[in-house]
Amino acid sequence: MKYLFIFALLSLVATLIYWRLRPYIKGVRRFLGVVREMRSMNAGARTDAPSQQQRKSAPNEKLSRCAACGTWMPASRAVTLRATGATFCSHSCLERSADSTQKARKSAS
């Protein structure tokens, strides 16, 4: 009977402590949820973007020259047109080159 009374008293104290700390526990759980969400978003961003090791080119990799601006870049990073085989350093350079050829055609006719 003595042990039952001590157990009931300890349970009551634990319940009162939990009841008082409940708002703080909810806040900590919410904060940890936000941190977990940020980590998962960050991990997703890392898998989408190429890593530093993938971005670096091999020392013996062939270089290609951009048809629009003349920049040399590794062949793995080059944007290549299937029809003409021309290589460009970026999509913006490709678009700029396409715009300039259309303007040249319009002004020549």
Protein backbone atom coordinates (compact mmCIF):
# COMPACT_ATOMS: atom_id res chain seq x y z
CA MET A 1 0.00 0.00 0.00
CA LYS A 2 2.89 2.29 0.78
CA TYR A 3 4.41 1.73 -2.69
CA LEU A 4 1.09 2.39 -4.39
CA PHE A 5 0.80 5.73 -2.60
CA ILE A 6 4.39 6.71 -3.60
CA PHE A 7 3.71 5.67 -7.21
CA ALA A 8 0.50 7.74 -7.30
CA LEU A 9 2.27 10.74 -5.80
CA LEU A 10 5.14 10.51 -8.35
CA SER A 11 2.63 10.13 -11.20
CA LEU A 12 0.78 13.23 -10.02
CA VAL A 13 4.04 15.24 -9.84
CA ALA A 14 5.11 14.02 -13.30
CA THR A 15 1.70 14.94 -14.74
CA LEU A 16 1.84 18.42 -13.22
CA ILE A 17 5.37 18.97 -14.55
CA TYR A 18 4.35 17.76 -18.01
CA TRP A 19 1.23 19.96 -17.93
CA ARG A 20 3.34 23.05 -17.14
CA LEU A 21 6.01 22.24 -19.75
CA ARG A 22 3.57 21.23 -22.50
CA PRO A 23 3.63 24.62 -24.37
CA TYR A 24 7.42 24.57 -24.40
CA ILE A 25 7.50 20.97 -25.60
CA LYS A 26 5.09 21.86 -28.42
CA GLY A 27 7.33 24.79 -29.41
CA VAL A 28 10.43 22.59 -29.46
CA ARG A 29 8.62 19.96 -31.53
CA ARG A 30 7.47 22.63 -34.00
CA PHE A 31 11.01 24.02 -34.26
CA LEU A 32 12.46 20.54 -34.84
CA GLY A 33 9.83 19.93 -37.52
CA VAL A 34 10.91 23.10 -39.33
CA VAL A 35 14.57 22.07 -39.08
CA ARG A 36 13.73 18.61 -40.41
CA GLU A 37 11.78 20.14 -43.31
CA MET A 38 14.65 22.49 -44.16
CA ARG A 39 17.11 19.61 -44.12
CA SER A 40 14.92 17.56 -46.45
CA MET A 41 14.54 20.53 -48.82
CA ASN A 42 18.28 21.09 -48.72
CA ALA A 43 18.94 17.40 -49.42
CA GLY A 44 16.54 17.56 -52.37
CA ALA A 45 18.34 20.61 -53.75
CA ARG A 46 21.67 18.87 -53.43
CA THR A 47 20.48 15.86 -55.42
CA ASP A 48 19.09 18.09 -58.19
CA ALA A 49 22.22 20.20 -58.57
CA PRO A 50 25.47 18.59 -59.64
CA SER A 51 27.94 18.18 -56.84
CA GLN A 52 31.41 19.70 -56.78
CA GLN A 53 32.94 16.37 -57.80
CA GLN A 54 30.58 15.99 -60.75
CA ARG A 55 31.10 19.61 -61.78
CA LYS A 56 34.87 19.26 -62.04
CA SER A 57 36.07 17.94 -65.36
CA ALA A 58 38.58 15.18 -65.82
CA PRO A 59 42.12 16.39 -66.64
CA ASN A 60 42.15 14.59 -69.99
CA GLU A 61 38.66 15.63 -71.09
CA LYS A 62 38.26 17.15 -74.54
CA LEU A 63 37.55 20.89 -74.72
CA SER A 64 34.94 22.48 -76.97
CA ARG A 65 34.71 26.07 -78.14
CA CYS A 66 31.48 28.03 -77.96
CA ALA A 67 30.26 29.00 -81.43
CA ALA A 68 28.81 32.28 -80.17
CA CYS A 69 31.35 33.75 -77.76
CA GLY A 70 34.46 31.61 -78.29
CA THR A 71 34.76 30.40 -74.69
CA TRP A 72 36.51 27.05 -74.19
CA MET A 73 34.76 24.58 -71.88
CA PRO A 74 34.82 20.83 -71.14
CA ALA A 75 32.82 18.83 -73.65
CA SER A 76 30.64 17.41 -70.87
CA ARG A 77 29.33 20.89 -70.03
CA ALA A 78 28.82 22.01 -73.64
CA VAL A 79 25.34 22.42 -75.13
CA THR A 80 25.46 20.74 -78.53
CA LEU A 81 22.96 21.15 -81.36
CA ARG A 82 22.07 17.82 -82.96
CA ALA A 83 21.32 19.25 -86.39
CA THR A 84 24.51 21.27 -86.94
CA GLY A 85 26.82 19.87 -84.28
CA ALA A 86 27.63 23.38 -83.06
CA THR A 87 28.56 23.67 -79.39
CA PHE A 88 27.65 26.48 -77.01
CA CYS A 89 28.77 27.26 -73.46
CA SER A 90 25.22 27.90 -72.18
CA HIS A 91 21.61 28.04 -73.25
CA SER A 92 21.70 31.84 -73.16
CA CYS A 93 24.61 31.84 -75.64
CA LEU A 94 22.64 29.47 -77.87
CA GLU A 95 19.60 31.75 -77.76
CA ARG A 96 21.73 34.83 -78.40
CA SER A 97 23.28 33.14 -81.43
CA ALA A 98 19.86 32.12 -82.76
CA ASP A 99 18.54 35.67 -82.33
CA SER A 100 21.53 37.18 -84.13
CA THR A 101 21.14 34.84 -87.13
CA GLN A 102 17.43 35.69 -87.40
CA LYS A 103 18.19 39.41 -87.31
CA ALA A 104 20.92 38.96 -89.93
CA ARG A 105 18.48 37.15 -92.21
CA LYS A 106 15.84 39.81 -91.82
CA SER A 107 18.20 42.66 -92.56
CA ALA A 108 19.80 40.92 -95.56
CA SER A 109 16.53 40.42 -97.44
